[in-house]
Amino acid sequence: LRAAPRFTHGVLGLFATGYALAGDLDEARALLASMDSLSALIEFEP
Protein backbone atom coordinates (compact mmCIF):
# COMPACT_ATOMS: atom_id res chain seq x y z
CA LEU A 1 0.00 0.00 0.00
CA ARG A 2 3.00 2.29 0.35
CA ALA A 3 4.29 1.32 -3.10
CA ALA A 4 1.10 1.09 -5.18
CA PRO A 5 -1.01 4.26 -4.94
CA ARG A 6 -3.68 3.10 -7.37
CA PHE A 7 -4.24 -0.10 -5.39
CA THR A 8 -4.20 1.85 -2.12
CA HIS A 9 -6.84 4.17 -3.55
CA GLY A 10 -9.04 1.20 -4.47
CA VAL A 11 -8.63 -0.45 -1.06
CA LEU A 12 -9.62 2.71 0.77
CA GLY A 13 -12.61 3.07 -1.55
CA LEU A 14 -13.74 -0.47 -0.84
CA PHE A 15 -13.64 0.13 2.91
CA ALA A 16 -15.36 3.51 2.47
CA THR A 17 -18.14 1.68 0.64
CA GLY A 18 -18.40 -0.87 3.44
CA TYR A 19 -18.64 1.80 6.12
CA ALA A 20 -21.16 3.81 4.09
CA LEU A 21 -23.38 0.77 3.53
CA ALA A 22 -23.19 0.03 7.27
CA GLY A 23 -24.37 3.54 8.06
CA ASP A 24 -21.08 4.96 9.38
CA LEU A 25 -20.99 7.90 6.98
CA ASP A 26 -18.42 9.83 9.04
CA GLU A 27 -15.83 7.06 8.65
CA ALA A 28 -16.69 6.73 4.97
CA ARG A 29 -16.12 10.46 4.45
CA ALA A 30 -12.82 10.31 6.35
CA LEU A 31 -11.60 7.53 4.08
CA LEU A 32 -12.73 9.45 1.00
CA ALA A 33 -10.78 12.47 2.23
CA SER A 34 -7.66 10.27 2.52
CA MET A 35 -8.24 9.11 -1.04
CA ASP A 36 -8.50 12.69 -2.27
CA SER A 37 -5.25 13.57 -0.51
CA LEU A 38 -3.52 10.60 -2.14
CA SER A 39 -4.78 11.65 -5.57
CA ALA A 40 -3.51 15.19 -5.02
CA LEU A 41 -0.02 14.02 -3.99
CA ILE A 42 0.65 11.33 -6.59
CA GLU A 43 -0.42 11.23 -10.23
CA PHE A 44 -2.19 8.00 -11.17
CA GLU A 45 -5.39 6.85 -12.87
CA PRO A 46 -7.88 5.86 -10.13
All heavy atoms as atom14 arrays in JSON, in Angstrom:
{
  "sequence": "LRAAPRFTHGVLGLFATGYALAGDLDEARALLASMDSLSALIEFEP",
  "atom14_mask": [
    [1, 1, 1, 1, 1, 1, 1, 1, 0, 0, 0, 0, 0, 0],
    [1, 1, 1, 1, 1, 1, 1, 1, 1, 1, 1, 0, 0, 0],
    [1, 1, 1, 1, 1, 0, 0, 0, 0, 0, 0, 0, 0, 0],
    [1, 1, 1, 1, 1, 0, 0, 0, 0, 0, 0, 0, 0, 0],
    [1, 1, 1, 1, 1, 1, 1, 0, 0, 0, 0, 0, 0, 0],
    [1, 1, 1, 1, 1, 1, 1, 1, 1, 1, 1, 0, 0, 0],
    [1, 1, 1, 1, 1, 1, 1, 1, 1, 1, 1, 0, 0, 0],
    [1, 1, 1, 1, 1, 1, 1, 0, 0, 0, 0, 0, 0, 0],
    [1, 1, 1, 1, 1, 1, 1, 1, 1, 1, 0, 0, 0, 0],
    [1, 1, 1, 1, 0, 0, 0, 0, 0, 0, 0, 0, 0, 0],
    [1, 1, 1, 1, 1, 1, 1, 0, 0, 0, 0, 0, 0, 0],
    [1, 1, 1, 1, 1, 1, 1, 1, 0, 0, 0, 0, 0, 0],
    [1, 1, 1, 1, 0, 0, 0, 0, 0, 0, 0, 0, 0, 0],
    [1, 1, 1, 1, 1, 1, 1, 1, 0, 0, 0, 0, 0, 0],
    [1, 1, 1, 1, 1, 1, 1, 1, 1, 1, 1, 0, 0, 0],
    [1, 1, 1, 1, 1, 0, 0, 0, 0, 0, 0, 0, 0, 0],
    [1, 1, 1, 1, 1, 1, 1, 0, 0, 0, 0, 0, 0, 0],
    [1, 1, 1, 1, 0, 0, 0, 0, 0, 0, 0, 0, 0, 0],
    [1, 1, 1, 1, 1, 1, 1, 1, 1, 1, 1, 1, 0, 0],
    [1, 1, 1, 1, 1, 0, 0, 0, 0, 0, 0, 0, 0, 0],
    [1, 1, 1, 1, 1, 1, 1, 1, 0, 0, 0, 0, 0, 0],
    [1, 1, 1, 1, 1, 0, 0, 0, 0, 0, 0, 0, 0, 0],
    [1, 1, 1, 1, 0, 0, 0, 0, 0, 0, 0, 0, 0, 0],
    [1, 1, 1, 1, 1, 1, 1, 1, 0, 0, 0, 0, 0, 0],
    [1, 1, 1, 1, 1, 1, 1, 1, 0, 0, 0, 0, 0, 0],
    [1, 1, 1, 1, 1, 1, 1, 1, 0, 0, 0, 0, 0, 0],
    [1, 1, 1, 1, 1, 1, 1, 1, 1, 0, 0, 0, 0, 0],
    [1, 1, 1, 1, 1, 0, 0, 0, 0, 0, 0, 0, 0, 0],
    [1, 1, 1, 1, 1, 1, 1, 1, 1, 1, 1, 0, 0, 0],
    [1, 1, 1, 1, 1, 0, 0, 0, 0, 0, 0, 0, 0, 0],
    [1, 1, 1, 1, 1, 1, 1, 1, 0, 0, 0, 0, 0, 0],
    [1, 1, 1, 1, 1, 1, 1, 1, 0, 0, 0, 0, 0, 0],
    [1, 1, 1, 1, 1, 0, 0, 0, 0, 0, 0, 0, 0, 0],
    [1, 1, 1, 1, 1, 1, 0, 0, 0, 0, 0, 0, 0, 0],
    [1, 1, 1, 1, 1, 1, 1, 1, 0, 0, 0, 0, 0, 0],
    [1, 1, 1, 1, 1, 1, 1, 1, 0, 0, 0, 0, 0, 0],
    [1, 1, 1, 1, 1, 1, 0, 0, 0, 0, 0, 0, 0, 0],
    [1, 1, 1, 1, 1, 1, 1, 1, 0, 0, 0, 0, 0, 0],
    [1, 1, 1, 1, 1, 1, 0, 0, 0, 0, 0, 0, 0, 0],
    [1, 1, 1, 1, 1, 0, 0, 0, 0, 0, 0, 0, 0, 0],
    [1, 1, 1, 1, 1, 1, 1, 1, 0, 0, 0, 0, 0, 0],
    [1, 1, 1, 1, 1, 1, 1, 1, 0, 0, 0, 0, 0, 0],
    [1, 1, 1, 1, 1, 1, 1, 1, 1, 0, 0, 0, 0, 0],
    [1, 1, 1, 1, 1, 1, 1, 1, 1, 1, 1, 0, 0, 0],
    [1, 1, 1, 1, 1, 1, 1, 1, 1, 0, 0, 0, 0, 0],
    [1, 1, 1, 1, 1, 1, 1, 0, 0, 0, 0, 0, 0, 0]
  ],
  "atom14_positions": [
    [[0.81, -1.2, 0.0], [0.0, 0.0, 0.0], [0.85, 1.26, 0.0], [0.38, 2.34, -0.34], [-0.95, 0.01, 1.19], [-2.02, -1.09, 1.21], [-3.08, -0.76, 2.23], [-2.67, -1.26, -0.16], [0.0, 0.0, 0.0], [0.0, 0.0, 0.0], [0.0, 0.0, 0.0], [0.0, 0.0, 0.0], [0.0, 0.0, 0.0], [0.0, 0.0, 0.0]],
    [[2.11, 1.13, 0.4], [3.0, 2.29, 0.35], [3.7, 2.4, -1.01], [4.32, 3.41, -1.31], [4.03, 2.19, 1.48], [3.42, 2.38, 2.86], [4.49, 2.42, 3.94], [5.02, 1.11, 4.24], [4.47, 0.25, 5.1], [3.37, 0.61, 5.75], [5.0, -0.92, 5.35], [0.0, 0.0, 0.0], [0.0, 0.0, 0.0], [0.0, 0.0, 0.0]],
    [[3.59, 1.33, -1.81], [4.29, 1.32, -3.1], [3.34, 1.37, -4.3], [3.79, 1.59, -5.41], [5.15, 0.05, -3.2], [0.0, 0.0, 0.0], [0.0, 0.0, 0.0], [0.0, 0.0, 0.0], [0.0, 0.0, 0.0], [0.0, 0.0, 0.0], [0.0, 0.0, 0.0], [0.0, 0.0, 0.0], [0.0, 0.0, 0.0], [0.0, 0.0, 0.0]],
    [[2.06, 1.16, -4.07], [1.1, 1.09, -5.18], [-0.08, 2.02, -4.91], [-1.09, 1.61, -4.35], [0.62, -0.34, -5.37], [0.0, 0.0, 0.0], [0.0, 0.0, 0.0], [0.0, 0.0, 0.0], [0.0, 0.0, 0.0], [0.0, 0.0, 0.0], [0.0, 0.0, 0.0], [0.0, 0.0, 0.0], [0.0, 0.0, 0.0], [0.0, 0.0, 0.0]],
    [[0.04, 3.29, -5.28], [-1.01, 4.26, -4.94], [-2.37, 3.93, -5.54], [-3.41, 4.15, -4.91], [-0.47, 5.59, -5.47], [0.58, 5.22, -6.46], [1.16, 3.94, -5.98], [0.0, 0.0, 0.0], [0.0, 0.0, 0.0], [0.0, 0.0, 0.0], [0.0, 0.0, 0.0], [0.0, 0.0, 0.0], [0.0, 0.0, 0.0], [0.0, 0.0, 0.0]],
    [[-2.39, 3.41, -6.76], [-3.68, 3.1, -7.37], [-4.39, 2.0, -6.58], [-5.61, 2.07, -6.34], [-3.5, 2.67, -8.83], [-4.82, 2.52, -9.59], [-4.56, 2.18, -11.05], [-5.78, 2.24, -11.84], [-6.64, 1.23, -11.94], [-6.41, 0.1, -11.3], [-7.72, 1.35, -12.7], [0.0, 0.0, 0.0], [0.0, 0.0, 0.0], [0.0, 0.0, 0.0]],
    [[-3.65, 0.97, -6.18], [-4.24, -0.1, -5.39], [-4.68, 0.41, -4.02], [-5.75, 0.06, -3.52], [-3.25, -1.26, -5.25], [-3.81, -2.44, -4.51], [-4.81, -3.21, -5.08], [-3.34, -2.78, -3.26], [-5.33, -4.31, -4.4], [-3.85, -3.87, -2.57], [-4.85, -4.63, -3.16], [0.0, 0.0, 0.0], [0.0, 0.0, 0.0], [0.0, 0.0, 0.0]],
    [[-3.85, 1.25, -3.41], [-4.2, 1.85, -2.12], [-5.51, 2.62, -2.23], [-6.4, 2.52, -1.38], [-3.09, 2.81, -1.66], [-1.86, 2.11, -1.6], [-3.41, 3.39, -0.29], [0.0, 0.0, 0.0], [0.0, 0.0, 0.0], [0.0, 0.0, 0.0], [0.0, 0.0, 0.0], [0.0, 0.0, 0.0], [0.0, 0.0, 0.0], [0.0, 0.0, 0.0]],
    [[-5.64, 3.38, -3.3], [-6.84, 4.17, -3.55], [-8.06, 3.25, -3.62], [-9.13, 3.53, -3.02], [-6.66, 4.95, -4.85], [-7.62, 6.07, -5.04], [-8.8, 5.94, -5.74], [-7.58, 7.37, -4.63], [-9.44, 7.09, -5.75], [-8.73, 7.98, -5.09], [0.0, 0.0, 0.0], [0.0, 0.0, 0.0], [0.0, 0.0, 0.0], [0.0, 0.0, 0.0]],
    [[-7.93, 2.14, -4.34], [-9.04, 1.2, -4.47], [-9.4, 0.55, -3.16], [-10.58, 0.37, -2.83], [0.0, 0.0, 0.0], [0.0, 0.0, 0.0], [0.0, 0.0, 0.0], [0.0, 0.0, 0.0], [0.0, 0.0, 0.0], [0.0, 0.0, 0.0], [0.0, 0.0, 0.0], [0.0, 0.0, 0.0], [0.0, 0.0, 0.0], [0.0, 0.0, 0.0]],
    [[-8.38, 0.17, -2.37], [-8.63, -0.45, -1.06], [-9.39, 0.5, -0.15], [-10.39, 0.12, 0.49], [-7.3, -0.88, -0.41], [-7.51, -1.22, 1.07], [-6.72, -2.08, -1.14], [0.0, 0.0, 0.0], [0.0, 0.0, 0.0], [0.0, 0.0, 0.0], [0.0, 0.0, 0.0], [0.0, 0.0, 0.0], [0.0, 0.0, 0.0], [0.0, 0.0, 0.0]],
    [[-8.94, 1.74, -0.08], [-9.62, 2.71, 0.77], [-11.06, 2.93, 0.3], [-11.98, 3.08, 1.12], [-8.86, 4.03, 0.77], [-7.47, 4.0, 1.41], [-6.79, 5.37, 1.29], [-7.53, 3.58, 2.88], [0.0, 0.0, 0.0], [0.0, 0.0, 0.0], [0.0, 0.0, 0.0], [0.0, 0.0, 0.0], [0.0, 0.0, 0.0], [0.0, 0.0, 0.0]],
    [[-11.25, 2.91, -1.01], [-12.61, 3.07, -1.55], [-13.51, 1.91, -1.2], [-14.7, 2.08, -0.92], [0.0, 0.0, 0.0], [0.0, 0.0, 0.0], [0.0, 0.0, 0.0], [0.0, 0.0, 0.0], [0.0, 0.0, 0.0], [0.0, 0.0, 0.0], [0.0, 0.0, 0.0], [0.0, 0.0, 0.0], [0.0, 0.0, 0.0], [0.0, 0.0, 0.0]],
    [[-12.95, 0.7, -1.22], [-13.74, -0.47, -0.84], [-14.19, -0.37, 0.61], [-15.37, -0.6, 0.94], [-12.9, -1.74, -1.04], [-13.48, -3.04, -0.49], [-14.82, -3.35, -1.14], [-12.5, -4.19, -0.68], [0.0, 0.0, 0.0], [0.0, 0.0, 0.0], [0.0, 0.0, 0.0], [0.0, 0.0, 0.0], [0.0, 0.0, 0.0], [0.0, 0.0, 0.0]],
    [[-13.27, 0.01, 1.5], [-13.64, 0.13, 2.91], [-14.6, 1.31, 3.12], [-15.51, 1.23, 3.95], [-12.4, 0.27, 3.78], [-11.72, -1.04, 4.04], [-10.69, -1.5, 3.24], [-12.14, -1.85, 5.09], [-10.08, -2.72, 3.47], [-11.53, -3.06, 5.35], [-10.5, -3.5, 4.53], [0.0, 0.0, 0.0], [0.0, 0.0, 0.0], [0.0, 0.0, 0.0]],
    [[-14.42, 2.39, 2.37], [-15.36, 3.51, 2.47], [-16.76, 3.06, 2.08], [-17.75, 3.45, 2.71], [-14.9, 4.66, 1.57], [0.0, 0.0, 0.0], [0.0, 0.0, 0.0], [0.0, 0.0, 0.0], [0.0, 0.0, 0.0], [0.0, 0.0, 0.0], [0.0, 0.0, 0.0], [0.0, 0.0, 0.0], [0.0, 0.0, 0.0], [0.0, 0.0, 0.0]],
    [[-16.84, 2.23, 1.05], [-18.14, 1.68, 0.64], [-18.74, 0.84, 1.75], [-19.93, 0.95, 2.06], [-17.98, 0.84, -0.63], [-17.58, 1.68, -1.71], [-19.28, 0.15, -1.0], [0.0, 0.0, 0.0], [0.0, 0.0, 0.0], [0.0, 0.0, 0.0], [0.0, 0.0, 0.0], [0.0, 0.0, 0.0], [0.0, 0.0, 0.0], [0.0, 0.0, 0.0]],
    [[-17.91, -0.03, 2.35], [-18.4, -0.87, 3.44], [-18.94, -0.07, 4.6], [-20.02, -0.34, 5.13], [0.0, 0.0, 0.0], [0.0, 0.0, 0.0], [0.0, 0.0, 0.0], [0.0, 0.0, 0.0], [0.0, 0.0, 0.0], [0.0, 0.0, 0.0], [0.0, 0.0, 0.0], [0.0, 0.0, 0.0], [0.0, 0.0, 0.0], [0.0, 0.0, 0.0]],
    [[-18.19, 0.96, 5.01], [-18.64, 1.8, 6.12], [-19.91, 2.57, 5.75], [-20.82, 2.72, 6.57], [-17.53, 2.78, 6.52], [-16.51, 2.18, 7.45], [-15.23, 1.86, 7.01], [-16.81, 1.94, 8.8], [-14.28, 1.31, 7.87], [-15.88, 1.39, 9.66], [-14.62, 1.09, 9.19], [-13.69, 0.53, 10.05], [0.0, 0.0, 0.0], [0.0, 0.0, 0.0]],
    [[-19.98, 3.05, 4.51], [-21.16, 3.81, 4.09], [-22.4, 2.92, 4.07], [-23.47, 3.32, 4.53], [-20.93, 4.43, 2.71], [0.0, 0.0, 0.0], [0.0, 0.0, 0.0], [0.0, 0.0, 0.0], [0.0, 0.0, 0.0], [0.0, 0.0, 0.0], [0.0, 0.0, 0.0], [0.0, 0.0, 0.0], [0.0, 0.0, 0.0], [0.0, 0.0, 0.0]],
    [[-22.26, 1.7, 3.55], [-23.38, 0.77, 3.53], [-23.84, 0.44, 4.95], [-25.04, 0.26, 5.21], [-23.0, -0.51, 2.79], [-22.85, -0.41, 1.28], [-22.24, -1.68, 0.71], [-24.2, -0.13, 0.61], [0.0, 0.0, 0.0], [0.0, 0.0, 0.0], [0.0, 0.0, 0.0], [0.0, 0.0, 0.0], [0.0, 0.0, 0.0], [0.0, 0.0, 0.0]],
    [[-22.87, 0.36, 5.88], [-23.19, 0.03, 7.27], [-23.73, 1.22, 8.05], [-24.07, 1.08, 9.23], [-21.95, -0.53, 7.96], [0.0, 0.0, 0.0], [0.0, 0.0, 0.0], [0.0, 0.0, 0.0], [0.0, 0.0, 0.0], [0.0, 0.0, 0.0], [0.0, 0.0, 0.0], [0.0, 0.0, 0.0], [0.0, 0.0, 0.0], [0.0, 0.0, 0.0]],
    [[-23.79, 2.38, 7.41], [-24.37, 3.54, 8.06], [-23.38, 4.45, 8.76], [-23.78, 5.47, 9.34], [0.0, 0.0, 0.0], [0.0, 0.0, 0.0], [0.0, 0.0, 0.0], [0.0, 0.0, 0.0], [0.0, 0.0, 0.0], [0.0, 0.0, 0.0], [0.0, 0.0, 0.0], [0.0, 0.0, 0.0], [0.0, 0.0, 0.0], [0.0, 0.0, 0.0]],
    [[-22.09, 4.1, 8.75], [-21.08, 4.96, 9.38], [-20.56, 5.94, 8.32], [-19.47, 5.77, 7.76], [-19.95, 4.11, 9.95], [-19.0, 4.9, 10.84], [-19.01, 6.15, 10.74], [-18.24, 4.29, 11.62], [0.0, 0.0, 0.0], [0.0, 0.0, 0.0], [0.0, 0.0, 0.0], [0.0, 0.0, 0.0], [0.0, 0.0, 0.0], [0.0, 0.0, 0.0]],
    [[-21.34, 6.97, 8.05], [-20.99, 7.9, 6.98], [-19.79, 8.75, 7.34], [-19.03, 9.17, 6.45], [-22.2, 8.79, 6.67], [-23.47, 8.07, 6.21], [-24.52, 9.1, 5.79], [-23.19, 7.1, 5.08], [0.0, 0.0, 0.0], [0.0, 0.0, 0.0], [0.0, 0.0, 0.0], [0.0, 0.0, 0.0], [0.0, 0.0, 0.0], [0.0, 0.0, 0.0]],
    [[-19.58, 9.02, 8.63], [-18.42, 9.83, 9.04], [-17.12, 9.11, 8.69], [-16.19, 9.73, 8.15], [-18.47, 10.11, 10.54], [-19.57, 11.11, 10.91], [-20.01, 11.84, 10.0], [-19.98, 11.13, 12.08], [0.0, 0.0, 0.0], [0.0, 0.0, 0.0], [0.0, 0.0, 0.0], [0.0, 0.0, 0.0], [0.0, 0.0, 0.0], [0.0, 0.0, 0.0]],
    [[-17.04, 7.82, 8.98], [-15.83, 7.06, 8.65], [-15.66, 6.96, 7.14], [-14.54, 7.05, 6.63], [-15.88, 5.67, 9.27], [-14.64, 4.83, 9.03], [-13.37, 5.41, 9.64], [-13.48, 6.18, 10.63], [-12.27, 5.12, 9.14], [0.0, 0.0, 0.0], [0.0, 0.0, 0.0], [0.0, 0.0, 0.0], [0.0, 0.0, 0.0], [0.0, 0.0, 0.0]],
    [[-16.76, 6.78, 6.44], [-16.69, 6.73, 4.97], [-16.14, 8.04, 4.41], [-15.27, 8.02, 3.53], [-18.07, 6.44, 4.4], [0.0, 0.0, 0.0], [0.0, 0.0, 0.0], [0.0, 0.0, 0.0], [0.0, 0.0, 0.0], [0.0, 0.0, 0.0], [0.0, 0.0, 0.0], [0.0, 0.0, 0.0], [0.0, 0.0, 0.0], [0.0, 0.0, 0.0]],
    [[-16.61, 9.16, 4.93], [-16.12, 10.46, 4.45], [-14.64, 10.65, 4.79], [-13.89, 11.24, 4.01], [-16.95, 11.59, 5.06], [-18.4, 11.64, 4.58], [-19.08, 12.93, 5.04], [-20.51, 12.85, 4.91], [-21.35, 12.52, 5.9], [-20.88, 12.23, 7.09], [-22.65, 12.49, 5.69], [0.0, 0.0, 0.0], [0.0, 0.0, 0.0], [0.0, 0.0, 0.0]],
    [[-14.23, 10.19, 5.97], [-12.82, 10.31, 6.35], [-11.93, 9.53, 5.39], [-10.85, 10.0, 4.98], [-12.62, 9.83, 7.78], [0.0, 0.0, 0.0], [0.0, 0.0, 0.0], [0.0, 0.0, 0.0], [0.0, 0.0, 0.0], [0.0, 0.0, 0.0], [0.0, 0.0, 0.0], [0.0, 0.0, 0.0], [0.0, 0.0, 0.0], [0.0, 0.0, 0.0]],
    [[-12.37, 8.33, 5.02], [-11.6, 7.53, 4.08], [-11.57, 8.18, 2.7], [-10.54, 8.18, 2.01], [-12.18, 6.12, 3.98], [-11.93, 5.23, 5.19], [-12.82, 4.0, 5.15], [-10.47, 4.81, 5.26], [0.0, 0.0, 0.0], [0.0, 0.0, 0.0], [0.0, 0.0, 0.0], [0.0, 0.0, 0.0], [0.0, 0.0, 0.0], [0.0, 0.0, 0.0]],
    [[-12.69, 8.76, 2.29], [-12.73, 9.45, 1.0], [-11.8, 10.66, 1.0], [-11.15, 10.96, -0.01], [-14.17, 9.87, 0.69], [-15.1, 8.73, 0.24], [-16.55, 9.17, 0.3], [-14.72, 8.26, -1.15], [0.0, 0.0, 0.0], [0.0, 0.0, 0.0], [0.0, 0.0, 0.0], [0.0, 0.0, 0.0], [0.0, 0.0, 0.0], [0.0, 0.0, 0.0]],
    [[-11.7, 11.35, 2.13], [-10.78, 12.47, 2.23], [-9.33, 12.0, 2.09], [-8.5, 12.66, 1.43], [-10.97, 13.2, 3.57], [0.0, 0.0, 0.0], [0.0, 0.0, 0.0], [0.0, 0.0, 0.0], [0.0, 0.0, 0.0], [0.0, 0.0, 0.0], [0.0, 0.0, 0.0], [0.0, 0.0, 0.0], [0.0, 0.0, 0.0], [0.0, 0.0, 0.0]],
    [[-9.01, 10.84, 2.67], [-7.66, 10.27, 2.52], [-7.37, 9.94, 1.06], [-6.26, 10.14, 0.56], [-7.53, 9.02, 3.38], [-7.65, 9.31, 4.74], [0.0, 0.0, 0.0], [0.0, 0.0, 0.0], [0.0, 0.0, 0.0], [0.0, 0.0, 0.0], [0.0, 0.0, 0.0], [0.0, 0.0, 0.0], [0.0, 0.0, 0.0], [0.0, 0.0, 0.0]],
    [[-8.4, 9.42, 0.37], [-8.24, 9.11, -1.04], [-7.99, 10.37, -1.87], [-7.14, 10.37, -2.77], [-9.47, 8.37, -1.55], [-9.73, 7.03, -0.86], [-11.34, 6.33, -1.26], [-11.03, 5.78, -2.94], [0.0, 0.0, 0.0], [0.0, 0.0, 0.0], [0.0, 0.0, 0.0], [0.0, 0.0, 0.0], [0.0, 0.0, 0.0], [0.0, 0.0, 0.0]],
    [[-8.71, 11.43, -1.55], [-8.5, 12.69, -2.27], [-7.09, 13.23, -2.05], [-6.46, 13.75, -2.97], [-9.54, 13.71, -1.82], [-10.95, 13.36, -2.27], [-11.08, 12.55, -3.2], [-11.91, 13.89, -1.68], [0.0, 0.0, 0.0], [0.0, 0.0, 0.0], [0.0, 0.0, 0.0], [0.0, 0.0, 0.0], [0.0, 0.0, 0.0], [0.0, 0.0, 0.0]],
    [[-6.61, 13.1, -0.81], [-5.25, 13.57, -0.51], [-4.21, 12.77, -1.3], [-3.24, 13.33, -1.82], [-4.97, 13.44, 1.0], [-5.85, 14.25, 1.74], [0.0, 0.0, 0.0], [0.0, 0.0, 0.0], [0.0, 0.0, 0.0], [0.0, 0.0, 0.0], [0.0, 0.0, 0.0], [0.0, 0.0, 0.0], [0.0, 0.0, 0.0], [0.0, 0.0, 0.0]],
    [[-4.44, 11.45, -1.38], [-3.52, 10.6, -2.14], [-3.51, 11.0, -3.61], [-2.45, 11.1, -4.23], [-3.94, 9.13, -1.99], [-3.07, 8.09, -2.68], [-1.66, 8.08, -2.1], [-3.7, 6.7, -2.56], [0.0, 0.0, 0.0], [0.0, 0.0, 0.0], [0.0, 0.0, 0.0], [0.0, 0.0, 0.0], [0.0, 0.0, 0.0], [0.0, 0.0, 0.0]],
    [[-4.69, 11.26, -4.17], [-4.78, 11.65, -5.57], [-4.08, 12.98, -5.82], [-3.51, 13.21, -6.9], [-6.25, 11.77, -5.99], [-6.91, 10.54, -5.84], [0.0, 0.0, 0.0], [0.0, 0.0, 0.0], [0.0, 0.0, 0.0], [0.0, 0.0, 0.0], [0.0, 0.0, 0.0], [0.0, 0.0, 0.0], [0.0, 0.0, 0.0], [0.0, 0.0, 0.0]],
    [[-4.14, 13.88, -4.85], [-3.51, 15.19, -5.02], [-1.99, 15.11, -4.95], [-1.28, 15.9, -5.57], [-4.03, 16.15, -3.94], [0.0, 0.0, 0.0], [0.0, 0.0, 0.0], [0.0, 0.0, 0.0], [0.0, 0.0, 0.0], [0.0, 0.0, 0.0], [0.0, 0.0, 0.0], [0.0, 0.0, 0.0], [0.0, 0.0, 0.0], [0.0, 0.0, 0.0]],
    [[-1.47, 14.13, -4.19], [-0.02, 14.02, -3.99], [0.68, 13.26, -5.11], [1.8, 13.57, -5.48], [0.26, 13.33, -2.65], [-0.04, 14.15, -1.39], [0.11, 13.26, -0.15], [0.91, 15.35, -1.29], [0.0, 0.0, 0.0], [0.0, 0.0, 0.0], [0.0, 0.0, 0.0], [0.0, 0.0, 0.0], [0.0, 0.0, 0.0], [0.0, 0.0, 0.0]],
    [[0.01, 12.23, -5.63], [0.65, 11.33, -6.59], [-0.24, 11.22, -7.82], [-1.45, 10.99, -7.71], [0.86, 9.92, -5.98], [1.66, 10.03, -4.67], [1.57, 9.01, -6.97], [1.75, 8.73, -3.92], [0.0, 0.0, 0.0], [0.0, 0.0, 0.0], [0.0, 0.0, 0.0], [0.0, 0.0, 0.0], [0.0, 0.0, 0.0], [0.0, 0.0, 0.0]],
    [[0.35, 11.32, -8.99], [-0.42, 11.23, -10.23], [-0.61, 9.76, -10.61], [0.35, 9.02, -10.79], [0.3, 11.97, -11.36], [-0.52, 11.99, -12.65], [0.16, 12.8, -13.75], [1.15, 13.5, -13.44], [-0.3, 12.71, -14.89], [0.0, 0.0, 0.0], [0.0, 0.0, 0.0], [0.0, 0.0, 0.0], [0.0, 0.0, 0.0], [0.0, 0.0, 0.0]],
    [[-1.86, 9.35, -10.71], [-2.19, 8.0, -11.17], [-3.63, 8.01, -11.65], [-4.38, 8.96, -11.4], [-2.0, 6.96, -10.06], [-2.89, 7.16, -8.87], [-4.1, 6.49, -8.76], [-2.52, 8.02, -7.85], [-4.93, 6.69, -7.66], [-3.33, 8.21, -6.74], [-4.54, 7.55, -6.65], [0.0, 0.0, 0.0], [0.0, 0.0, 0.0], [0.0, 0.0, 0.0]],
    [[-4.03, 6.96, -12.34], [-5.39, 6.85, -12.87], [-6.22, 6.02, -11.91], [-6.07, 4.79, -11.85], [-5.37, 6.2, -14.26], [-6.72, 6.19, -14.95], [-7.18, 7.57, -15.37], [-6.33, 8.46, -15.56], [-8.4, 7.77, -15.49], [0.0, 0.0, 0.0], [0.0, 0.0, 0.0], [0.0, 0.0, 0.0], [0.0, 0.0, 0.0], [0.0, 0.0, 0.0]],
    [[-7.11, 6.62, -11.11], [-7.88, 5.86, -10.13], [-8.98, 5.03, -10.8], [-9.48, 5.38, -11.87], [-8.48, 6.93, -9.23], [-8.61, 8.12, -10.12], [-7.43, 8.05, -11.06], [0.0, 0.0, 0.0], [0.0, 0.0, 0.0], [0.0, 0.0, 0.0], [0.0, 0.0, 0.0], [0.0, 0.0, 0.0], [0.0, 0.0, 0.0], [0.0, 0.0, 0.0]]
  ]
}
